[in-house]
Amino acid sequence: MTEVRKTVADNFIAGHGLEIGAFASPLPVPDAARVTYVDKYNLEDLDANHKVAGLSLGDFGVDLSTVIRPDIVDDGECLAKVGDYSQDFVIANHVLEHFEDPIRGFRNMLRVLKHGGILYLSLPEMRHSFDSVRQPTPFEHLQRDYEEGPAWSRDSAYAEFAKIFAANGMDKGLFPRHSGAALKQFENEVAQELNAADYSIHFHAWTMEGMVDMFSRIKPLYRLAYETRLILKNKEEVIFIFEKAVPHIA
């Protein structure tokens, strides 16, 4: 999977740009490219902000020494610290599904790109991840998150994720197995803990077909100026390359 990512990057990434949420898997880019790393948390705060049900990132096999230290601490959905038309490229691998409002996040990625700039974006194909037990996020859900704000779906998103978290955690022996009322109580406690911590879960999940549908619909609906340069299935993910275009003025 990494080799395919690198090949795509070698063909499209140049200049100075951002990578959002690189975590421990930064995209390999050409030697001449310069990357500024953006993440929501300082490295020192990362583990404290990712504790749930008494477990830390280390309990999930994350070696904090391998995590990229962000140059800019900022919410990748907003990119409030990044100027308009300032970047040659933006990289976001397995990031958009963590945004409560993916359309807003996508628009802000486009906002900070120069005309002709490249958005390198990949998304996990839900049928090949723990999201496989979920229903795909319908476009109408995304549209409502954008137009009304995502608060309406927040509680249900954490409740759904808590069920997946509990099932996977019990299967892996990370905590005792529960059933019946005890399981329901545990799931509720986890959901409340995740919500209170503003935990970065998978708020949304897509099949490849759903991803393509989403990007094809938001472009005319919100008059977004970009061209799709590549759509590539890469094992458990789908890579998209978008090029920011000059808006058409009628």
Protein backbone atom coordinates (compact mmCIF):
# COMPACT_ATOMS: atom_id res chain seq x y z
CA MET A 1 0.00 0.00 0.00
CA THR A 2 2.86 2.38 0.87
CA GLU A 3 4.60 1.80 -2.47
CA VAL A 4 1.46 2.74 -4.41
CA ARG A 5 1.05 5.86 -2.30
CA LYS A 6 4.66 6.83 -3.00
CA THR A 7 4.28 6.27 -6.74
CA VAL A 8 1.22 8.51 -6.82
CA ALA A 9 3.00 11.16 -4.74
CA ASP A 10 6.01 11.09 -7.06
CA ASN A 11 3.70 11.94 -9.95
CA PHE A 12 1.66 14.69 -8.30
CA ILE A 13 3.38 16.21 -5.25
CA ALA A 14 5.78 19.14 -5.72
CA GLY A 15 6.59 22.43 -4.02
CA HIS A 16 5.58 23.36 -0.48
CA GLY A 17 2.47 22.03 1.19
CA LEU A 18 0.71 20.46 4.15
CA GLU A 19 0.04 16.98 5.43
CA ILE A 20 -2.92 16.76 7.81
CA GLY A 21 -3.00 13.99 10.41
CA ALA A 22 0.15 12.15 9.32
CA PHE A 23 0.38 10.54 12.78
CA ALA A 24 2.90 7.67 12.42
CA SER A 25 2.47 7.20 8.66
CA PRO A 26 3.62 10.31 6.78
CA LEU A 27 3.31 10.10 3.01
CA PRO A 28 6.67 9.53 1.28
CA VAL A 29 7.11 12.54 -1.00
CA PRO A 30 9.74 13.53 -3.58
CA ASP A 31 12.97 14.85 -2.04
CA ALA A 32 12.39 18.36 -3.37
CA ALA A 33 8.93 18.66 -1.79
CA ARG A 34 8.65 20.43 1.55
CA VAL A 35 5.93 19.32 3.96
CA THR A 36 4.48 21.20 6.93
CA TYR A 37 2.70 18.80 9.27
CA VAL A 38 -0.65 19.75 10.78
CA ASP A 39 -2.38 17.92 13.60
CA LYS A 40 -5.01 18.64 16.21
CA TYR A 41 -2.80 17.78 19.20
CA ASN A 42 0.71 18.55 20.39
CA LEU A 43 2.76 15.39 20.69
CA GLU A 44 2.92 15.91 24.45
CA ASP A 45 -0.89 16.02 24.69
CA LEU A 46 -1.59 13.20 22.27
CA ASP A 47 -1.76 10.26 24.67
CA ALA A 48 -3.78 12.17 27.27
CA ASN A 49 -6.37 13.05 24.65
CA HIS A 50 -6.71 9.47 23.41
CA LYS A 51 -7.45 7.55 26.60
CA VAL A 52 -10.71 5.63 26.61
CA ALA A 53 -12.02 2.89 28.90
CA GLY A 54 -8.74 3.09 30.81
CA LEU A 55 -6.69 2.32 27.70
CA SER A 56 -3.97 4.46 26.14
CA LEU A 57 -2.59 4.58 22.61
CA GLY A 58 0.16 2.23 23.72
CA ASP A 59 -2.44 -0.39 24.61
CA PHE A 60 -3.54 -0.27 20.97
CA GLY A 61 0.01 -0.83 19.75
CA VAL A 62 0.89 2.79 18.95
CA ASP A 63 4.55 3.68 19.53
CA LEU A 64 4.48 7.40 20.32
CA SER A 65 8.15 7.72 19.31
CA THR A 66 7.11 7.10 15.69
CA VAL A 67 4.41 9.79 15.63
CA ILE A 68 5.20 12.90 13.60
CA ARG A 69 5.52 16.09 15.66
CA PRO A 70 3.16 18.67 14.10
CA ASP A 71 4.59 21.98 12.89
CA ILE A 72 1.13 23.52 13.20
CA VAL A 73 -1.34 22.51 15.90
CA ASP A 74 -4.72 23.13 14.31
CA ASP A 75 -8.01 21.39 13.61
CA GLY A 76 -7.58 19.93 10.14
CA GLU A 77 -11.28 20.39 9.45
CA CYS A 78 -10.93 24.18 9.78
CA LEU A 79 -7.26 24.91 8.97
CA ALA A 80 -7.81 28.25 10.71
CA LYS A 81 -4.05 28.90 10.94
CA VAL A 82 -3.45 28.37 7.21
CA GLY A 83 -3.97 31.16 4.70
CA ASP A 84 -6.04 31.02 1.54
CA TYR A 85 -4.24 30.14 -1.70
CA SER A 86 -1.01 29.45 0.23
CA GLN A 87 -0.15 25.80 -0.51
CA ASP A 88 1.09 23.86 -3.52
CA PHE A 89 -0.41 20.66 -2.12
CA VAL A 90 -2.44 19.25 0.75
CA ILE A 91 -2.13 15.61 1.82
CA ALA A 92 -4.87 13.97 3.90
CA ASN A 93 -4.65 10.19 4.26
CA HIS A 94 -7.47 8.58 6.27
CA VAL A 95 -8.47 11.96 7.68
CA LEU A 96 -11.80 12.97 6.14
CA GLU A 97 -13.72 10.17 7.89
CA HIS A 98 -12.60 11.67 11.23
CA PHE A 99 -14.24 15.03 10.44
CA GLU A 100 -17.69 15.64 11.86
CA ASP A 101 -18.38 17.78 8.79
CA PRO A 102 -16.45 16.28 5.85
CA ILE A 103 -17.78 18.74 3.28
CA ARG A 104 -16.54 21.65 5.35
CA GLY A 105 -13.18 19.95 5.79
CA PHE A 106 -12.89 19.26 2.07
CA ARG A 107 -13.73 22.86 1.22
CA ASN A 108 -11.07 24.14 3.60
CA MET A 109 -8.47 21.87 2.02
CA LEU A 110 -9.36 23.40 -1.34
CA ARG A 111 -9.38 26.90 0.19
CA VAL A 112 -5.72 26.80 1.21
CA LEU A 113 -4.52 25.48 -2.16
CA LYS A 114 -3.15 27.72 -4.87
CA HIS A 115 -4.82 27.50 -8.27
CA GLY A 116 -3.41 24.34 -9.81
CA GLY A 117 -2.56 22.97 -6.37
CA ILE A 118 -2.99 19.27 -5.62
CA LEU A 119 -5.15 17.64 -2.96
CA TYR A 120 -3.89 14.12 -2.27
CA LEU A 121 -6.65 12.41 -0.33
CA SER A 122 -7.22 8.78 0.60
CA LEU A 123 -10.12 7.17 2.43
CA PRO A 124 -10.49 3.69 3.94
CA GLU A 125 -12.87 1.43 2.06
CA MET A 126 -15.32 0.54 4.82
CA ARG A 127 -15.77 -3.04 3.65
CA HIS A 128 -12.13 -3.71 4.56
CA SER A 129 -12.05 -2.15 8.05
CA PHE A 130 -13.84 -2.29 11.40
CA ASP A 131 -16.44 -0.03 9.75
CA SER A 132 -17.69 -3.04 7.77
CA VAL A 133 -20.43 -3.66 10.37
CA ARG A 134 -21.85 -0.17 9.82
CA GLN A 135 -24.17 1.22 7.21
CA PRO A 136 -22.50 3.56 4.69
CA THR A 137 -23.00 7.23 5.44
CA PRO A 138 -25.69 8.51 3.05
CA PHE A 139 -25.04 11.74 1.18
CA GLU A 140 -28.06 13.38 2.81
CA HIS A 141 -26.38 12.91 6.20
CA LEU A 142 -23.24 14.70 4.97
CA GLN A 143 -25.32 17.48 3.46
CA ARG A 144 -27.19 18.02 6.73
CA ASP A 145 -23.92 18.02 8.71
CA TYR A 146 -22.68 20.81 6.45
CA GLU A 147 -25.80 22.91 6.17
CA GLU A 148 -27.06 22.58 9.77
CA GLY A 149 -23.83 21.74 11.60
CA PRO A 150 -22.96 18.25 12.86
CA ALA A 151 -24.29 18.54 16.43
CA TRP A 152 -27.50 16.70 15.47
CA SER A 153 -25.58 13.48 14.66
CA ARG A 154 -22.80 13.64 17.26
CA ASP A 155 -24.40 11.52 20.02
CA SER A 156 -25.50 8.78 17.64
CA ALA A 157 -22.03 8.68 16.04
CA TYR A 158 -20.34 8.12 19.39
CA ALA A 159 -22.96 5.55 20.42
CA GLU A 160 -22.40 3.59 17.20
CA PHE A 161 -18.62 3.75 17.54
CA ALA A 162 -18.80 2.68 21.20
CA LYS A 163 -20.53 -0.55 20.18
CA ILE A 164 -17.80 -1.31 17.63
CA PHE A 165 -15.09 -0.38 20.14
CA ALA A 166 -16.59 -2.62 22.82
CA ALA A 167 -16.96 -5.61 20.50
CA ASN A 168 -13.43 -5.30 19.10
CA GLY A 169 -11.90 -4.67 22.51
CA MET A 170 -13.53 -7.72 24.05
CA ASP A 171 -12.49 -9.88 21.10
CA LYS A 172 -8.87 -8.76 21.59
CA GLY A 173 -8.98 -9.26 25.36
CA LEU A 174 -8.39 -5.59 26.13
CA PHE A 175 -11.10 -5.62 28.78
CA PRO A 176 -13.51 -8.17 30.32
CA ARG A 177 -16.31 -9.54 28.20
CA HIS A 178 -19.74 -8.09 28.97
CA SER A 179 -23.23 -9.10 27.91
CA GLY A 180 -26.83 -8.02 28.37
CA ALA A 181 -27.43 -5.00 30.60
CA ALA A 182 -23.76 -4.86 31.62
CA LEU A 183 -22.70 -4.58 27.97
CA LYS A 184 -25.23 -1.82 27.32
CA GLN A 185 -24.01 0.10 30.36
CA PHE A 186 -20.38 -0.30 29.27
CA GLU A 187 -21.20 0.92 25.75
CA ASN A 188 -23.03 3.95 27.17
CA GLU A 189 -20.10 4.79 29.44
CA VAL A 190 -17.64 4.53 26.55
CA ALA A 191 -19.84 6.72 24.32
CA GLN A 192 -20.07 9.39 27.03
CA GLU A 193 -16.31 9.26 27.61
CA LEU A 194 -15.57 9.58 23.89
CA ASN A 195 -17.99 12.48 23.53
CA ALA A 196 -16.64 14.34 26.56
CA ALA A 197 -13.08 13.95 25.27
CA ASP A 198 -14.00 15.09 21.74
CA TYR A 199 -12.39 11.84 20.61
CA SER A 200 -11.45 11.59 16.95
CA ILE A 201 -13.51 8.60 15.84
CA HIS A 202 -14.64 7.56 12.38
CA PHE A 203 -17.71 9.78 12.22
CA HIS A 204 -18.42 8.58 8.68
CA ALA A 205 -17.77 5.53 6.51
CA TRP A 206 -17.96 4.97 2.77
CA THR A 207 -17.70 2.31 0.13
CA MET A 208 -15.68 3.27 -2.94
CA GLU A 209 -18.95 3.90 -4.78
CA GLY A 210 -20.12 6.16 -1.97
CA MET A 211 -16.91 8.17 -2.06
CA VAL A 212 -17.16 8.74 -5.80
CA ASP A 213 -20.82 9.70 -5.44
CA MET A 214 -20.01 12.19 -2.67
CA PHE A 215 -17.32 14.00 -4.63
CA SER A 216 -19.37 14.03 -7.82
CA ARG A 217 -22.35 15.58 -6.00
CA ILE A 218 -20.66 18.23 -3.87
CA LYS A 219 -18.84 19.77 -6.84
CA PRO A 220 -21.92 21.15 -8.65
CA LEU A 221 -24.02 21.51 -5.49
CA TYR A 222 -21.55 23.87 -3.79
CA ARG A 223 -19.91 25.20 -6.96
CA LEU A 224 -16.47 23.89 -6.07
CA ALA A 225 -13.65 24.54 -8.51
CA TYR A 226 -11.55 21.41 -8.88
CA GLU A 227 -10.82 18.64 -11.34
CA THR A 228 -10.44 14.96 -10.51
CA ARG A 229 -7.07 13.78 -11.76
CA LEU A 230 -7.02 10.25 -10.33
CA ILE A 231 -9.19 7.69 -8.55
CA LEU A 232 -7.24 4.58 -7.56
CA LYS A 233 -8.18 1.56 -5.45
CA ASN A 234 -5.18 0.72 -3.27
CA LYS A 235 -5.94 -2.45 -1.31
CA GLU A 236 -8.02 -1.30 1.72
CA GLU A 237 -8.21 2.34 0.64
CA VAL A 238 -9.07 4.59 -2.28
CA ILE A 239 -6.72 7.39 -3.37
CA PHE A 240 -8.10 10.56 -4.94
CA ILE A 241 -6.09 13.29 -6.61
CA PHE A 242 -7.90 16.60 -7.06
CA GLU A 243 -6.49 19.71 -8.73
CA LYS A 244 -7.81 23.10 -7.69
CA ALA A 245 -9.15 25.01 -10.68
CA VAL A 246 -9.89 28.65 -11.33
CA PRO A 247 -13.59 29.24 -10.56
CA HIS A 248 -15.80 29.77 -13.58
CA ILE A 249 -17.37 33.22 -13.59
CA ALA A 250 -20.65 33.30 -15.48
